[in-house]
Amino acid sequence: RNPGKLQLALESGYQLAENFFGELLG
């Protein structure tokens, strides 16, 4: 609950990687 800006940035980066590799690998 109430994550900080750093945590939100890390989660966004992970989500970006997940979306990128998810499209390539399924």
PDB file of all heavy atoms in Angstrom:
ATOM      1  N   ARG A   1       0.845  -1.200   0.000  1.00  0.00           N
ATOM      2  CA  ARG A   1       0.000   0.000   0.000  1.00  0.00           C
ATOM      3  C   ARG A   1       0.881   1.251   0.000  1.00  0.00           C
ATOM      4  O   ARG A   1       1.909   1.305   0.664  1.00  0.00           O
ATOM      5  CB  ARG A   1      -0.896   0.020   1.230  1.00  0.00           C
ATOM      6  CG  ARG A   1      -1.851  -1.155   1.279  1.00  0.00           C
ATOM      7  CD  ARG A   1      -2.827  -0.989   2.445  1.00  0.00           C
ATOM      8  NE  ARG A   1      -3.529  -2.212   2.725  1.00  0.00           N
ATOM      9  CZ  ARG A   1      -4.605  -2.605   2.062  1.00  0.00           C
ATOM     10  NH1 ARG A   1      -5.074  -1.889   1.077  1.00  0.00           N
ATOM     11  NH2 ARG A   1      -5.199  -3.737   2.378  1.00  0.00           N
ATOM     12  N   ASN A   2       0.445   2.249  -0.738  1.00  0.00           N
ATOM     13  CA  ASN A   2       1.148   3.528  -0.845  1.00  0.00           C
ATOM     14  C   ASN A   2       2.631   3.371  -1.208  1.00  0.00           C
ATOM     15  O   ASN A   2       3.512   3.789  -0.451  1.00  0.00           O
ATOM     16  CB  ASN A   2       1.024   4.327   0.460  1.00  0.00           C
ATOM     17  CG  ASN A   2      -0.415   4.635   0.799  1.00  0.00           C
ATOM     18  OD1 ASN A   2      -1.223   4.909  -0.089  1.00  0.00           O
ATOM     19  ND2 ASN A   2      -0.735   4.585   2.081  1.00  0.00           N
ATOM     20  N   PRO A   3       2.912   2.762  -2.364  1.00  0.00           N
ATOM     21  CA  PRO A   3       4.331   2.634  -2.758  1.00  0.00           C
ATOM     22  C   PRO A   3       4.918   3.996  -3.115  1.00  0.00           C
ATOM     23  O   PRO A   3       4.214   4.902  -3.551  1.00  0.00           O
ATOM     24  CB  PRO A   3       4.268   1.724  -3.990  1.00  0.00           C
ATOM     25  CG  PRO A   3       2.893   1.890  -4.525  1.00  0.00           C
ATOM     26  CD  PRO A   3       2.006   2.200  -3.355  1.00  0.00           C
ATOM     27  N   GLY A   4       6.216   4.105  -2.930  1.00  0.00           N
ATOM     28  CA  GLY A   4       6.907   5.359  -3.244  1.00  0.00           C
ATOM     29  C   GLY A   4       7.202   5.467  -4.734  1.00  0.00           C
ATOM     30  O   GLY A   4       6.957   4.545  -5.520  1.00  0.00           O
ATOM     31  N   LYS A   5       7.756   6.610  -5.119  1.00  0.00           N
ATOM     32  CA  LYS A   5       8.066   6.858  -6.524  1.00  0.00           C
ATOM     33  C   LYS A   5       9.107   5.878  -7.061  1.00  0.00           C
ATOM     34  O   LYS A   5       9.024   5.426  -8.200  1.00  0.00           O
ATOM     35  CB  LYS A   5       8.566   8.286  -6.701  1.00  0.00           C
ATOM     36  CG  LYS A   5       7.502   9.329  -6.513  1.00  0.00           C
ATOM     37  CD  LYS A   5       8.060  10.726  -6.692  1.00  0.00           C
ATOM     38  CE  LYS A   5       6.983  11.764  -6.420  1.00  0.00           C
ATOM     39  NZ  LYS A   5       7.510  13.120  -6.544  1.00  0.00           N
ATOM     40  N   LEU A   6      10.101   5.541  -6.239  1.00  0.00           N
ATOM     41  CA  LEU A   6      11.137   4.597  -6.660  1.00  0.00           C
ATOM     42  C   LEU A   6      10.534   3.228  -6.939  1.00  0.00           C
ATOM     43  O   LEU A   6      10.840   2.595  -7.952  1.00  0.00           O
ATOM     44  CB  LEU A   6      12.231   4.497  -5.592  1.00  0.00           C
ATOM     45  CG  LEU A   6      13.380   3.560  -5.906  1.00  0.00           C
ATOM     46  CD1 LEU A   6      14.138   4.039  -7.148  1.00  0.00           C
ATOM     47  CD2 LEU A   6      14.323   3.464  -4.724  1.00  0.00           C
ATOM     48  N   GLN A   7       9.669   2.759  -6.039  1.00  0.00           N
ATOM     49  CA  GLN A   7       9.027   1.471  -6.224  1.00  0.00           C
ATOM     50  C   GLN A   7       8.155   1.475  -7.479  1.00  0.00           C
ATOM     51  O   GLN A   7       8.159   0.512  -8.241  1.00  0.00           O
ATOM     52  CB  GLN A   7       8.181   1.084  -5.007  1.00  0.00           C
ATOM     53  CG  GLN A   7       7.535  -0.279  -5.150  1.00  0.00           C
ATOM     54  CD  GLN A   7       6.775  -0.712  -3.915  1.00  0.00           C
ATOM     55  OE1 GLN A   7       6.977  -0.170  -2.835  1.00  0.00           O
ATOM     56  NE2 GLN A   7       5.912  -1.696  -4.065  1.00  0.00           N
ATOM     57  N   LEU A   8       7.434   2.551  -7.702  1.00  0.00           N
ATOM     58  CA  LEU A   8       6.599   2.651  -8.902  1.00  0.00           C
ATOM     59  C   LEU A   8       7.460   2.639 -10.170  1.00  0.00           C
ATOM     60  O   LEU A   8       7.091   2.028 -11.172  1.00  0.00           O
ATOM     61  CB  LEU A   8       5.733   3.906  -8.850  1.00  0.00           C
ATOM     62  CG  LEU A   8       4.624   3.909  -7.793  1.00  0.00           C
ATOM     63  CD1 LEU A   8       3.945   5.269  -7.742  1.00  0.00           C
ATOM     64  CD2 LEU A   8       3.614   2.814  -8.061  1.00  0.00           C
ATOM     65  N   ALA A   9       8.615   3.297 -10.115  1.00  0.00           N
ATOM     66  CA  ALA A   9       9.523   3.294 -11.268  1.00  0.00           C
ATOM     67  C   ALA A   9      10.071   1.890 -11.520  1.00  0.00           C
ATOM     68  O   ALA A   9      10.148   1.436 -12.671  1.00  0.00           O
ATOM     69  CB  ALA A   9      10.660   4.279 -11.032  1.00  0.00           C
ATOM     70  N   LEU A  10      10.457   1.177 -10.458  1.00  0.00           N
ATOM     71  CA  LEU A  10      10.952  -0.191 -10.598  1.00  0.00           C
ATOM     72  C   LEU A  10       9.878  -1.110 -11.162  1.00  0.00           C
ATOM     73  O   LEU A  10      10.143  -1.938 -12.044  1.00  0.00           O
ATOM     74  CB  LEU A  10      11.434  -0.733  -9.249  1.00  0.00           C
ATOM     75  CG  LEU A  10      12.726  -0.158  -8.705  1.00  0.00           C
ATOM     76  CD1 LEU A  10      12.973  -0.637  -7.283  1.00  0.00           C
ATOM     77  CD2 LEU A  10      13.885  -0.536  -9.605  1.00  0.00           C
ATOM     78  N   GLU A  11       8.641  -0.977 -10.645  1.00  0.00           N
ATOM     79  CA  GLU A  11       7.542  -1.805 -11.135  1.00  0.00           C
ATOM     80  C   GLU A  11       7.229  -1.490 -12.592  1.00  0.00           C
ATOM     81  O   GLU A  11       6.917  -2.396 -13.368  1.00  0.00           O
ATOM     82  CB  GLU A  11       6.304  -1.616 -10.254  1.00  0.00           C
ATOM     83  CG  GLU A  11       6.453  -2.242  -8.876  1.00  0.00           C
ATOM     84  CD  GLU A  11       5.256  -2.014  -7.976  1.00  0.00           C
ATOM     85  OE1 GLU A  11       4.231  -1.481  -8.434  1.00  0.00           O
ATOM     86  OE2 GLU A  11       5.355  -2.384  -6.784  1.00  0.00           O
ATOM     87  N   SER A  12       7.345  -0.216 -12.973  1.00  0.00           N
ATOM     88  CA  SER A  12       7.121   0.158 -14.379  1.00  0.00           C
ATOM     89  C   SER A  12       8.192  -0.445 -15.281  1.00  0.00           C
ATOM     90  O   SER A  12       7.898  -0.931 -16.374  1.00  0.00           O
ATOM     91  CB  SER A  12       7.124   1.679 -14.530  1.00  0.00           C
ATOM     92  OG  SER A  12       6.029   2.240 -13.870  1.00  0.00           O
ATOM     93  N   GLY A  13       9.427  -0.417 -14.820  1.00  0.00           N
ATOM     94  CA  GLY A  13      10.518  -1.024 -15.588  1.00  0.00           C
ATOM     95  C   GLY A  13      10.332  -2.522 -15.753  1.00  0.00           C
ATOM     96  O   GLY A  13      10.546  -3.075 -16.833  1.00  0.00           O
ATOM     97  N   TYR A  14       9.922  -3.175 -14.665  1.00  0.00           N
ATOM     98  CA  TYR A  14       9.686  -4.621 -14.736  1.00  0.00           C
ATOM     99  C   TYR A  14       8.521  -4.911 -15.677  1.00  0.00           C
ATOM    100  O   TYR A  14       8.583  -5.845 -16.481  1.00  0.00           O
ATOM    101  CB  TYR A  14       9.401  -5.192 -13.339  1.00  0.00           C
ATOM    102  CG  TYR A  14       9.265  -6.686 -13.363  1.00  0.00           C
ATOM    103  CD1 TYR A  14      10.386  -7.503 -13.303  1.00  0.00           C
ATOM    104  CD2 TYR A  14       8.018  -7.305 -13.469  1.00  0.00           C
ATOM    105  CE1 TYR A  14      10.287  -8.878 -13.344  1.00  0.00           C
ATOM    106  CE2 TYR A  14       7.903  -8.677 -13.515  1.00  0.00           C
ATOM    107  CZ  TYR A  14       9.042  -9.460 -13.447  1.00  0.00           C
ATOM    108  OH  TYR A  14       8.924 -10.816 -13.501  1.00  0.00           O
ATOM    109  N   GLN A  15       7.476  -4.108 -15.606  1.00  0.00           N
ATOM    110  CA  GLN A  15       6.307  -4.293 -16.474  1.00  0.00           C
ATOM    111  C   GLN A  15       6.696  -4.085 -17.936  1.00  0.00           C
ATOM    112  O   GLN A  15       6.230  -4.820 -18.810  1.00  0.00           O
ATOM    113  CB  GLN A  15       5.192  -3.321 -16.080  1.00  0.00           C
ATOM    114  CG  GLN A  15       3.873  -3.598 -16.761  1.00  0.00           C
ATOM    115  CD  GLN A  15       3.281  -4.921 -16.320  1.00  0.00           C
ATOM    116  OE1 GLN A  15       3.277  -5.243 -15.139  1.00  0.00           O
ATOM    117  NE2 GLN A  15       2.795  -5.691 -17.268  1.00  0.00           N
ATOM    118  N   LEU A  16       7.552  -3.117 -18.199  1.00  0.00           N
ATOM    119  CA  LEU A  16       8.040  -2.880 -19.554  1.00  0.00           C
ATOM    120  C   LEU A  16       8.789  -4.104 -20.077  1.00  0.00           C
ATOM    121  O   LEU A  16       8.558  -4.553 -21.207  1.00  0.00           O
ATOM    122  CB  LEU A  16       8.944  -1.642 -19.576  1.00  0.00           C
ATOM    123  CG  LEU A  16       9.539  -1.251 -20.920  1.00  0.00           C
ATOM    124  CD1 LEU A  16       8.467  -0.639 -21.813  1.00  0.00           C
ATOM    125  CD2 LEU A  16      10.673  -0.260 -20.718  1.00  0.00           C
ATOM    126  N   ALA A  17       9.674  -4.651 -19.251  1.00  0.00           N
ATOM    127  CA  ALA A  17      10.418  -5.859 -19.641  1.00  0.00           C
ATOM    128  C   ALA A  17       9.471  -7.035 -19.833  1.00  0.00           C
ATOM    129  O   ALA A  17       9.619  -7.822 -20.779  1.00  0.00           O
ATOM    130  CB  ALA A  17      11.476  -6.193 -18.584  1.00  0.00           C
ATOM    131  N   GLU A  18       8.494  -7.160 -18.947  1.00  0.00           N
ATOM    132  CA  GLU A  18       7.516  -8.247 -19.053  1.00  0.00           C
ATOM    133  C   GLU A  18       6.714  -8.137 -20.347  1.00  0.00           C
ATOM    134  O   GLU A  18       6.483  -9.138 -21.026  1.00  0.00           O
ATOM    135  CB  GLU A  18       6.587  -8.222 -17.842  1.00  0.00           C
ATOM    136  CG  GLU A  18       5.744  -9.451 -17.686  1.00  0.00           C
ATOM    137  CD  GLU A  18       4.952  -9.415 -16.399  1.00  0.00           C
ATOM    138  OE1 GLU A  18       4.029  -8.578 -16.281  1.00  0.00           O
ATOM    139  OE2 GLU A  18       5.263 -10.228 -15.508  1.00  0.00           O
ATOM    140  N   ASN A  19       6.294  -6.941 -20.707  1.00  0.00           N
ATOM    141  CA  ASN A  19       5.550  -6.747 -21.949  1.00  0.00           C
ATOM    142  C   ASN A  19       6.426  -7.034 -23.174  1.00  0.00           C
ATOM    143  O   ASN A  19       5.999  -7.693 -24.114  1.00  0.00           O
ATOM    144  CB  ASN A  19       4.983  -5.327 -22.035  1.00  0.00           C
ATOM    145  CG  ASN A  19       3.885  -5.073 -21.028  1.00  0.00           C
ATOM    146  OD1 ASN A  19       3.251  -5.999 -20.518  1.00  0.00           O
ATOM    147  ND2 ASN A  19       3.665  -3.819 -20.703  1.00  0.00           N
ATOM    148  N   PHE A  20       7.653  -6.527 -23.143  1.00  0.00           N
ATOM    149  CA  PHE A  20       8.561  -6.719 -24.273  1.00  0.00           C
ATOM    150  C   PHE A  20       8.867  -8.199 -24.484  1.00  0.00           C
ATOM    151  O   PHE A  20       8.700  -8.736 -25.576  1.00  0.00           O
ATOM    152  CB  PHE A  20       9.843  -5.922 -24.058  1.00  0.00           C
ATOM    153  CG  PHE A  20      10.861  -6.118 -25.144  1.00  0.00           C
ATOM    154  CD1 PHE A  20      10.703  -5.493 -26.374  1.00  0.00           C
ATOM    155  CD2 PHE A  20      11.966  -6.925 -24.943  1.00  0.00           C
ATOM    156  CE1 PHE A  20      11.642  -5.672 -27.376  1.00  0.00           C
ATOM    157  CE2 PHE A  20      12.905  -7.113 -25.944  1.00  0.00           C
ATOM    158  CZ  PHE A  20      12.748  -6.485 -27.170  1.00  0.00           C
ATOM    159  N   PHE A  21       9.342  -8.861 -23.421  1.00  0.00           N
ATOM    160  CA  PHE A  21       9.709 -10.268 -23.551  1.00  0.00           C
ATOM    161  C   PHE A  21       8.477 -11.162 -23.667  1.00  0.00           C
ATOM    162  O   PHE A  21       8.544 -12.228 -24.269  1.00  0.00           O
ATOM    163  CB  PHE A  21      10.596 -10.709 -22.380  1.00  0.00           C
ATOM    164  CG  PHE A  21      11.988 -10.162 -22.454  1.00  0.00           C
ATOM    165  CD1 PHE A  21      12.458  -9.284 -21.504  1.00  0.00           C
ATOM    166  CD2 PHE A  21      12.835 -10.522 -23.483  1.00  0.00           C
ATOM    167  CE1 PHE A  21      13.748  -8.777 -21.566  1.00  0.00           C
ATOM    168  CE2 PHE A  21      14.127 -10.020 -23.566  1.00  0.00           C
ATOM    169  CZ  PHE A  21      14.584  -9.148 -22.605  1.00  0.00           C
ATOM    170  N   GLY A  22       7.357 -10.745 -23.088  1.00  0.00           N
ATOM    171  CA  GLY A  22       6.123 -11.519 -23.201  1.00  0.00           C
ATOM    172  C   GLY A  22       5.654 -11.628 -24.641  1.00  0.00           C
ATOM    173  O   GLY A  22       5.165 -12.668 -25.071  1.00  0.00           O
ATOM    174  N   GLU A  23       5.807 -10.540 -25.408  1.00  0.00           N
ATOM    175  CA  GLU A  23       5.441 -10.572 -26.825  1.00  0.00           C
ATOM    176  C   GLU A  23       6.375 -11.485 -27.613  1.00  0.00           C
ATOM    177  O   GLU A  23       5.949 -12.161 -28.542  1.00  0.00           O
ATOM    178  CB  GLU A  23       5.469  -9.169 -27.419  1.00  0.00           C
ATOM    179  CG  GLU A  23       4.354  -8.274 -26.937  1.00  0.00           C
ATOM    180  CD  GLU A  23       4.420  -6.875 -27.532  1.00  0.00           C
ATOM    181  OE1 GLU A  23       5.067  -6.707 -28.587  1.00  0.00           O
ATOM    182  OE2 GLU A  23       3.825  -5.966 -26.929  1.00  0.00           O
ATOM    183  N   LEU A  24       7.643 -11.502 -27.249  1.00  0.00           N
ATOM    184  CA  LEU A  24       8.609 -12.336 -27.960  1.00  0.00           C
ATOM    185  C   LEU A  24       8.498 -13.812 -27.588  1.00  0.00           C
ATOM    186  O   LEU A  24       8.594 -14.686 -28.442  1.00  0.00           O
ATOM    187  CB  LEU A  24      10.035 -11.865 -27.661  1.00  0.00           C
ATOM    188  CG  LEU A  24      10.454 -10.518 -28.210  1.00  0.00           C
ATOM    189  CD1 LEU A  24      11.830 -10.158 -27.699  1.00  0.00           C
ATOM    190  CD2 LEU A  24      10.449 -10.529 -29.724  1.00  0.00           C
ATOM    191  N   LEU A  25       8.329 -14.089 -26.294  1.00  0.00           N
ATOM    192  CA  LEU A  25       8.411 -15.455 -25.793  1.00  0.00           C
ATOM    193  C   LEU A  25       7.062 -16.104 -25.481  1.00  0.00           C
ATOM    194  O   LEU A  25       7.007 -17.311 -25.294  1.00  0.00           O
ATOM    195  CB  LEU A  25       9.266 -15.487 -24.512  1.00  0.00           C
ATOM    196  CG  LEU A  25      10.668 -14.915 -24.627  1.00  0.00           C
ATOM    197  CD1 LEU A  25      11.316 -14.854 -23.262  1.00  0.00           C
ATOM    198  CD2 LEU A  25      11.503 -15.732 -25.586  1.00  0.00           C
ATOM    199  N   GLY A  26       6.026 -15.310 -25.355  1.00  0.00           N
ATOM    200  CA  GLY A  26       4.729 -15.852 -24.952  1.00  0.00           C
ATOM    201  C   GLY A  26       4.659 -15.982 -23.438  1.00  0.00           C
ATOM    202  O   GLY A  26       5.616 -15.718 -22.718  1.00  0.00           O
TER     203      GLY A  26
END
